[in-house]
Protein backbone atom coordinates (compact mmCIF):
# COMPACT_ATOMS: atom_id res chain seq x y z
CA UNK A 1 -27.01 -32.63 -13.90
CA UNK A 2 -27.09 -29.71 -11.48
CA UNK A 3 -26.39 -26.14 -12.65
CA UNK A 4 -26.48 -22.64 -11.26
CA UNK A 5 -29.22 -20.99 -13.29
CA UNK A 6 -31.02 -19.06 -10.55
CA UNK A 7 -31.35 -15.31 -11.02
CA UNK A 8 -32.64 -12.21 -9.25
CA UNK A 9 -34.73 -9.54 -10.95
CA UNK A 10 -34.51 -6.10 -9.31
CA UNK A 11 -35.51 -2.66 -10.36
CA UNK A 12 -32.92 -0.10 -11.32
CA UNK A 13 -34.33 2.20 -8.63
CA UNK A 14 -33.03 -0.18 -5.94
CA UNK A 15 -29.48 0.43 -7.14
CA UNK A 16 -29.87 4.16 -7.84
CA UNK A 17 -31.26 5.10 -4.39
CA UNK A 18 -28.05 4.04 -2.70
CA UNK A 19 -28.33 0.35 -1.84
CA UNK A 20 -25.33 -1.91 -1.62
CA UNK A 21 -26.34 -5.23 -3.14
CA UNK A 22 -24.65 -8.57 -2.65
CA UNK A 23 -25.58 -12.03 -3.76
CA UNK A 24 -24.34 -15.17 -2.11
CA UNK A 25 -24.82 -18.76 -3.44
CA UNK A 26 -25.61 -20.92 -0.44
CA UNK A 27 -24.31 -24.44 0.08
CA UNK A 28 -25.72 -27.19 -2.16
CA UNK A 29 -28.33 -29.28 -0.29
CA UNK A 30 -28.77 -32.28 -2.61
CA UNK A 31 -31.46 -30.71 -4.83
CA UNK A 32 -30.82 -29.73 -8.41
CA UNK A 33 -30.83 -26.09 -7.28
CA UNK A 34 -28.51 -23.97 -5.21
CA UNK A 35 -30.27 -21.55 -2.90
CA UNK A 36 -29.20 -17.93 -3.42
CA UNK A 37 -29.44 -15.01 -1.04
CA UNK A 38 -29.74 -11.32 -1.88
CA UNK A 39 -28.68 -8.79 0.73
CA UNK A 40 -29.43 -5.08 0.36
CA UNK A 41 -28.02 -2.49 2.73
CA UNK A 42 -28.08 1.30 2.60
CA UNK A 43 -24.80 2.98 1.62
CA UNK A 44 -26.07 6.29 2.87
CA UNK A 45 -29.13 8.51 2.90
CA UNK A 46 -29.48 11.80 1.10
CA UNK A 47 -29.26 13.53 4.47
CA UNK A 48 -26.07 11.75 5.36
CA UNK A 49 -24.10 11.56 2.14
CA UNK A 50 -20.38 10.93 2.40
CA UNK A 51 -18.26 14.04 1.96
CA UNK A 52 -16.93 14.30 -1.59
CA UNK A 53 -14.23 16.68 -2.86
CA UNK A 54 -15.40 18.53 -5.95
CA UNK A 55 -12.71 19.30 -8.60
CA UNK A 56 -14.52 22.46 -9.54
CA UNK A 57 -13.36 23.97 -6.19
CA UNK A 58 -9.76 23.94 -7.55
CA UNK A 59 -10.79 26.40 -10.24
CA UNK A 60 -11.89 29.05 -7.75
CA UNK A 61 -9.18 31.69 -7.13
CA UNK A 62 -9.81 31.83 -3.36
CA UNK A 63 -9.84 28.06 -2.70
CA UNK A 64 -6.28 27.60 -1.45
CA UNK A 65 -6.36 30.70 0.72
CA UNK A 66 -9.69 29.68 2.22
CA UNK A 67 -8.37 26.22 3.11
CA UNK A 68 -5.32 27.82 4.79
CA UNK A 69 -7.53 30.26 6.69
CA UNK A 70 -9.96 27.59 7.88
CA UNK A 71 -7.17 25.19 8.83
CA UNK A 72 -5.45 27.78 11.05
CA UNK A 73 -8.67 29.01 12.71
CA UNK A 74 -8.76 28.35 16.45
CA UNK A 75 -11.25 25.58 17.09
CA UNK A 76 -10.98 25.67 20.94
CA UNK A 77 -10.64 21.84 21.21
CA UNK A 78 -8.28 20.08 23.54
CA UNK A 79 -7.15 16.45 23.42
CA UNK A 80 -4.70 14.14 21.73
CA UNK A 81 -3.04 15.06 18.50
CA UNK A 82 -5.21 12.59 16.58
CA UNK A 83 -8.41 14.03 18.12
CA UNK A 84 -7.30 17.55 17.27
CA UNK A 85 -6.53 16.50 13.67
CA UNK A 86 -10.01 14.88 13.38
CA UNK A 87 -11.71 18.02 14.76
CA UNK A 88 -9.73 20.29 12.42
CA UNK A 89 -10.70 18.15 9.44
CA UNK A 90 -14.36 18.23 10.47
CA UNK A 91 -14.10 22.01 10.86
CA UNK A 92 -12.68 22.43 7.32
CA UNK A 93 -15.29 20.06 5.91
CA UNK A 94 -18.15 22.15 7.35
CA UNK A 95 -16.60 25.37 6.08
CA UNK A 96 -16.13 23.83 2.64
CA UNK A 97 -19.79 22.72 2.51
CA UNK A 98 -21.00 26.20 3.43
CA UNK A 99 -18.58 27.84 1.01
CA UNK A 100 -19.66 25.49 -1.76
CA UNK A 101 -23.35 26.36 -1.25
CA UNK A 102 -22.58 30.14 -1.36
CA UNK A 103 -20.11 30.09 -4.26
CA UNK A 104 -21.42 27.38 -6.55
CA UNK A 105 -24.98 26.72 -5.34
CA UNK A 106 -26.56 23.34 -6.00
CA UNK A 107 -24.84 22.28 -9.20
CA UNK A 108 -26.85 19.02 -9.36
CA UNK A 109 -30.14 20.91 -9.29
CA UNK A 110 -28.80 23.29 -11.95
CA UNK A 111 -27.82 20.33 -14.11
CA UNK A 112 -31.30 18.87 -13.81
CA UNK A 113 -32.85 22.21 -14.80
CA UNK A 114 -30.62 22.37 -17.90
CA UNK A 115 -31.52 18.78 -18.80
CA UNK A 116 -35.23 19.57 -18.45
CA UNK A 117 -34.77 22.56 -20.80
CA UNK A 118 -33.06 20.39 -23.39
């Protein structure tokens, strides 16, 4: 009787450092085992993290006015409407990242410091 009992053992660090893991059971080849394949790919690196909106920004009294100001700033780009939209979004993203550093600092580092104190 054939059964699918094969397993992978991986460390938790492999998952936590940003790997995307997928397992595929390969075709049965007549043995009493199915070969399995583990694929690991990087989701992103710490230097190239995807942009994430932080809900804490909404609590800041200047958030909406800053977005309006950054959106209407002249970016000096020319091209199709879609290209201009993309450039304007990139511009606002960079402004938001700088503003976040200045207003809130590194909240993740602050959280780690509080956890170490506890």
